[in-house]
């Protein structure tokens, strides 16, 4: 769970996840609008992949990234459980 929160801690990585809500995008599409180098963006993609928050599918020379919602859901539910909150929003106990 710590690796996911570490990945979510950076605003650029959160913005990448926001951009992927509408569907898969190429690395170039995701990098558009960020004022950082390609190696920096690659590092952000790697951190998100390591945390299991995104998936990368290579088609020819192009890499397409997409959200891995199951990981995000698992982490959020685990975090809510640690905080004593049930799925329906009621506190446990």
N, C-alpha and C. Protein backbone atom coordinates (compact mmCIF):
# COMPACT_ATOMS: atom_id res chain seq x y z
N UNK A 1 0.83 -1.19 0.00
CA UNK A 1 0.00 0.00 0.00
C UNK A 1 0.87 1.26 0.00
N UNK A 2 2.02 1.22 0.68
CA UNK A 2 2.89 2.40 0.75
C UNK A 2 3.36 2.86 -0.62
N UNK A 3 3.66 1.91 -1.50
CA UNK A 3 4.15 2.27 -2.83
C UNK A 3 3.08 3.02 -3.63
N UNK A 4 1.82 2.68 -3.40
CA UNK A 4 0.74 3.38 -4.09
C UNK A 4 0.63 4.81 -3.59
N UNK A 5 0.67 4.99 -2.28
CA UNK A 5 0.59 6.35 -1.74
C UNK A 5 1.80 7.18 -2.14
N UNK A 6 2.95 6.54 -2.23
CA UNK A 6 4.15 7.24 -2.69
C UNK A 6 3.97 7.71 -4.14
N UNK A 7 3.40 6.84 -4.97
CA UNK A 7 3.15 7.20 -6.36
C UNK A 7 2.12 8.33 -6.46
N UNK A 8 1.12 8.30 -5.61
CA UNK A 8 0.07 9.32 -5.64
C UNK A 8 0.51 10.65 -5.04
N UNK A 9 1.63 10.67 -4.35
CA UNK A 9 2.08 11.87 -3.66
C UNK A 9 2.52 12.97 -4.61
N UNK A 10 2.90 12.62 -5.82
CA UNK A 10 3.42 13.63 -6.75
C UNK A 10 2.28 14.17 -7.63
N UNK A 11 2.16 15.50 -7.73
CA UNK A 11 1.06 16.09 -8.51
C UNK A 11 1.08 15.71 -10.00
N UNK A 12 2.25 15.53 -10.58
CA UNK A 12 2.30 15.13 -12.00
C UNK A 12 1.71 13.75 -12.18
N UNK A 13 2.02 12.84 -11.27
CA UNK A 13 1.48 11.48 -11.38
C UNK A 13 -0.03 11.47 -11.16
N UNK A 14 -0.53 12.31 -10.26
CA UNK A 14 -1.98 12.40 -10.08
C UNK A 14 -2.64 12.95 -11.34
N UNK A 15 -2.00 13.91 -11.99
CA UNK A 15 -2.55 14.47 -13.23
C UNK A 15 -2.55 13.43 -14.35
N UNK A 16 -1.52 12.60 -14.40
CA UNK A 16 -1.49 11.52 -15.40
C UNK A 16 -2.69 10.61 -15.20
N UNK A 17 -2.97 10.24 -13.96
CA UNK A 17 -4.13 9.39 -13.67
C UNK A 17 -5.42 10.08 -14.06
N UNK A 18 -5.51 11.38 -13.81
CA UNK A 18 -6.70 12.15 -14.21
C UNK A 18 -6.90 12.07 -15.72
N UNK A 19 -5.83 12.23 -16.46
CA UNK A 19 -5.90 12.20 -17.92
C UNK A 19 -6.29 10.83 -18.46
N UNK A 20 -5.99 9.79 -17.71
CA UNK A 20 -6.31 8.43 -18.15
C UNK A 20 -7.75 8.03 -17.81
N UNK A 21 -8.46 8.87 -17.07
CA UNK A 21 -9.85 8.54 -16.74
C UNK A 21 -10.71 8.39 -17.99
N UNK A 22 -10.38 9.13 -19.04
CA UNK A 22 -11.18 9.09 -20.25
C UNK A 22 -10.78 7.96 -21.20
N UNK A 23 -9.75 7.20 -20.84
CA UNK A 23 -9.34 6.07 -21.65
C UNK A 23 -7.84 6.03 -21.89
N UNK A 24 -7.39 5.00 -22.57
CA UNK A 24 -5.97 4.80 -22.86
C UNK A 24 -5.40 5.96 -23.67
N UNK A 25 -4.14 6.26 -23.39
CA UNK A 25 -3.44 7.31 -24.12
C UNK A 25 -1.99 6.88 -24.33
N UNK A 26 -1.38 7.43 -25.39
CA UNK A 26 0.03 7.15 -25.64
C UNK A 26 0.87 7.97 -24.67
N UNK A 27 2.13 7.58 -24.55
CA UNK A 27 3.05 8.33 -23.71
C UNK A 27 3.15 9.78 -24.19
N UNK A 28 3.18 9.98 -25.50
CA UNK A 28 3.25 11.33 -26.05
C UNK A 28 2.03 12.17 -25.73
N UNK A 29 0.84 11.55 -25.84
CA UNK A 29 -0.39 12.26 -25.50
C UNK A 29 -0.40 12.68 -24.03
N UNK A 30 0.06 11.77 -23.18
CA UNK A 30 0.09 12.08 -21.75
C UNK A 30 1.12 13.15 -21.43
N UNK A 31 2.24 13.15 -22.14
CA UNK A 31 3.31 14.10 -21.87
C UNK A 31 2.97 15.51 -22.34
N UNK A 32 2.08 15.63 -23.33
CA UNK A 32 1.69 16.95 -23.82
C UNK A 32 1.14 17.80 -22.68
N UNK A 33 1.63 19.00 -22.58
CA UNK A 33 1.15 19.92 -21.55
C UNK A 33 1.99 19.93 -20.29
N UNK A 34 2.88 18.96 -20.14
CA UNK A 34 3.79 18.96 -19.00
C UNK A 34 5.10 19.58 -19.43
N UNK A 35 5.62 20.47 -18.64
CA UNK A 35 6.87 21.15 -18.96
C UNK A 35 8.04 20.41 -18.30
N UNK A 36 8.19 19.14 -18.66
CA UNK A 36 9.27 18.32 -18.13
C UNK A 36 9.87 17.51 -19.27
N UNK A 37 11.05 16.97 -19.05
CA UNK A 37 11.74 16.19 -20.08
C UNK A 37 11.09 14.81 -20.26
N UNK A 38 11.39 14.18 -21.38
CA UNK A 38 10.90 12.82 -21.63
C UNK A 38 11.40 11.84 -20.57
N UNK A 39 12.69 11.92 -20.17
CA UNK A 39 13.14 11.00 -19.11
C UNK A 39 12.39 11.20 -17.79
N UNK A 40 12.03 12.44 -17.47
CA UNK A 40 11.26 12.70 -16.25
C UNK A 40 9.88 12.07 -16.36
N UNK A 41 9.24 12.24 -17.51
CA UNK A 41 7.92 11.63 -17.71
C UNK A 41 8.02 10.11 -17.64
N UNK A 42 9.07 9.56 -18.24
CA UNK A 42 9.26 8.10 -18.18
C UNK A 42 9.40 7.63 -16.74
N UNK A 43 10.06 8.43 -15.92
CA UNK A 43 10.18 8.09 -14.49
C UNK A 43 8.84 8.09 -13.80
N UNK A 44 7.98 9.05 -14.14
CA UNK A 44 6.64 9.09 -13.56
C UNK A 44 5.82 7.87 -14.00
N UNK A 45 5.92 7.54 -15.30
CA UNK A 45 5.20 6.35 -15.79
C UNK A 45 5.70 5.10 -15.07
N UNK A 46 7.01 4.99 -14.89
CA UNK A 46 7.59 3.82 -14.23
C UNK A 46 7.10 3.71 -12.79
N UNK A 47 7.03 4.83 -12.08
CA UNK A 47 6.57 4.82 -10.69
C UNK A 47 5.11 4.38 -10.61
N UNK A 48 4.28 4.87 -11.53
CA UNK A 48 2.87 4.49 -11.55
C UNK A 48 2.70 3.01 -11.91
N UNK A 49 3.52 2.52 -12.84
CA UNK A 49 3.47 1.09 -13.20
C UNK A 49 3.92 0.23 -12.04
N UNK A 50 5.00 0.64 -11.38
CA UNK A 50 5.51 -0.11 -10.22
C UNK A 50 4.46 -0.23 -9.12
N UNK A 51 3.67 0.82 -8.95
CA UNK A 51 2.62 0.82 -7.94
C UNK A 51 1.38 0.06 -8.40
N UNK A 52 1.36 -0.33 -9.68
CA UNK A 52 0.22 -1.06 -10.21
C UNK A 52 -0.96 -0.19 -10.57
N UNK A 53 -0.75 1.12 -10.65
CA UNK A 53 -1.84 2.05 -10.92
C UNK A 53 -2.13 2.21 -12.41
N UNK A 54 -1.14 1.92 -13.25
CA UNK A 54 -1.35 1.97 -14.69
C UNK A 54 -0.77 0.72 -15.33
N UNK A 55 -1.25 0.45 -16.54
CA UNK A 55 -0.75 -0.66 -17.35
C UNK A 55 -0.17 -0.07 -18.63
N UNK A 56 0.85 -0.70 -19.16
CA UNK A 56 1.44 -0.27 -20.42
C UNK A 56 1.31 -1.39 -21.43
N UNK A 57 0.75 -1.06 -22.58
CA UNK A 57 0.63 -2.02 -23.68
C UNK A 57 1.35 -1.45 -24.88
N UNK A 58 2.32 -2.20 -25.38
CA UNK A 58 3.09 -1.75 -26.54
C UNK A 58 2.47 -2.31 -27.81
N UNK A 59 2.21 -1.40 -28.75
CA UNK A 59 1.70 -1.77 -30.06
C UNK A 59 2.64 -1.17 -31.08
N UNK A 60 3.50 -2.00 -31.63
CA UNK A 60 4.55 -1.50 -32.52
C UNK A 60 5.53 -0.69 -31.71
N UNK A 61 5.79 0.52 -32.15
CA UNK A 61 6.73 1.40 -31.45
C UNK A 61 6.03 2.31 -30.44
N UNK A 62 4.71 2.14 -30.31
CA UNK A 62 3.93 3.03 -29.45
C UNK A 62 3.51 2.32 -28.17
N UNK A 63 3.63 3.01 -27.05
CA UNK A 63 3.18 2.49 -25.76
C UNK A 63 1.89 3.20 -25.38
N UNK A 64 0.87 2.42 -25.08
CA UNK A 64 -0.41 2.94 -24.62
C UNK A 64 -0.53 2.67 -23.13
N UNK A 65 -0.89 3.70 -22.38
CA UNK A 65 -1.09 3.56 -20.93
C UNK A 65 -2.57 3.60 -20.61
N UNK A 66 -2.96 2.83 -19.62
CA UNK A 66 -4.35 2.84 -19.15
C UNK A 66 -4.37 2.65 -17.64
N UNK A 67 -5.48 3.07 -17.03
CA UNK A 67 -5.64 2.93 -15.59
C UNK A 67 -5.82 1.47 -15.21
N UNK A 68 -5.32 1.11 -14.06
CA UNK A 68 -5.57 -0.19 -13.47
C UNK A 68 -6.44 0.07 -12.25
N UNK A 69 -7.74 0.16 -12.48
CA UNK A 69 -8.66 0.54 -11.41
C UNK A 69 -8.73 -0.48 -10.29
N UNK A 70 -8.46 -1.74 -10.58
CA UNK A 70 -8.55 -2.76 -9.52
C UNK A 70 -7.52 -2.48 -8.42
N UNK A 71 -6.32 -2.04 -8.78
CA UNK A 71 -5.31 -1.72 -7.77
C UNK A 71 -5.74 -0.53 -6.94
N UNK A 72 -6.23 0.50 -7.60
CA UNK A 72 -6.67 1.69 -6.88
C UNK A 72 -7.82 1.36 -5.93
N UNK A 73 -8.77 0.58 -6.41
CA UNK A 73 -9.90 0.19 -5.56
C UNK A 73 -9.42 -0.63 -4.36
N UNK A 74 -8.54 -1.57 -4.59
CA UNK A 74 -8.02 -2.41 -3.52
C UNK A 74 -7.33 -1.58 -2.44
N UNK A 75 -6.51 -0.62 -2.87
CA UNK A 75 -5.79 0.22 -1.92
C UNK A 75 -6.75 1.12 -1.15
N UNK A 76 -7.70 1.71 -1.86
CA UNK A 76 -8.65 2.60 -1.18
C UNK A 76 -9.51 1.83 -0.17
N UNK A 77 -9.95 0.65 -0.55
CA UNK A 77 -10.74 -0.16 0.38
C UNK A 77 -9.90 -0.59 1.59
N UNK A 78 -8.64 -0.95 1.34
CA UNK A 78 -7.75 -1.31 2.44
C UNK A 78 -7.51 -0.14 3.37
N UNK A 79 -7.32 1.04 2.80
CA UNK A 79 -7.10 2.24 3.60
C UNK A 79 -8.35 2.57 4.42
N UNK A 80 -9.51 2.48 3.79
CA UNK A 80 -10.76 2.76 4.51
C UNK A 80 -10.93 1.78 5.66
N UNK A 81 -10.58 0.50 5.43
CA UNK A 81 -10.67 -0.49 6.49
C UNK A 81 -9.77 -0.15 7.66
N UNK A 82 -8.56 0.32 7.36
CA UNK A 82 -7.63 0.72 8.43
C UNK A 82 -8.16 1.92 9.21
N UNK A 83 -8.92 2.75 8.53
CA UNK A 83 -9.47 3.94 9.17
C UNK A 83 -10.79 3.63 9.90
N UNK A 84 -11.25 2.38 9.76
CA UNK A 84 -12.48 1.98 10.44
C UNK A 84 -13.73 2.38 9.70
N UNK A 85 -13.63 2.57 8.39
CA UNK A 85 -14.79 2.96 7.58
C UNK A 85 -15.20 1.78 6.72
N UNK A 86 -16.49 1.43 6.80
CA UNK A 86 -17.01 0.33 5.98
C UNK A 86 -17.24 0.83 4.56
N UNK A 87 -17.49 -0.10 3.66
CA UNK A 87 -17.71 0.24 2.25
C UNK A 87 -18.86 1.18 2.05
N UNK A 88 -19.92 1.06 2.82
CA UNK A 88 -21.09 1.92 2.61
C UNK A 88 -20.94 3.29 3.28
N UNK A 89 -19.77 3.56 3.84
CA UNK A 89 -19.50 4.87 4.41
C UNK A 89 -19.72 4.96 5.91
N UNK A 90 -20.26 3.90 6.52
CA UNK A 90 -20.47 3.91 7.97
C UNK A 90 -19.19 3.51 8.68
N UNK A 91 -18.99 4.06 9.86
CA UNK A 91 -17.80 3.66 10.64
C UNK A 91 -18.03 2.33 11.29
N UNK A 92 -16.95 1.54 11.35
CA UNK A 92 -17.02 0.25 12.04
C UNK A 92 -16.88 0.46 13.53
N UNK A 93 -17.34 -0.51 14.28
CA UNK A 93 -17.08 -0.46 15.70
C UNK A 93 -18.31 -0.35 16.45
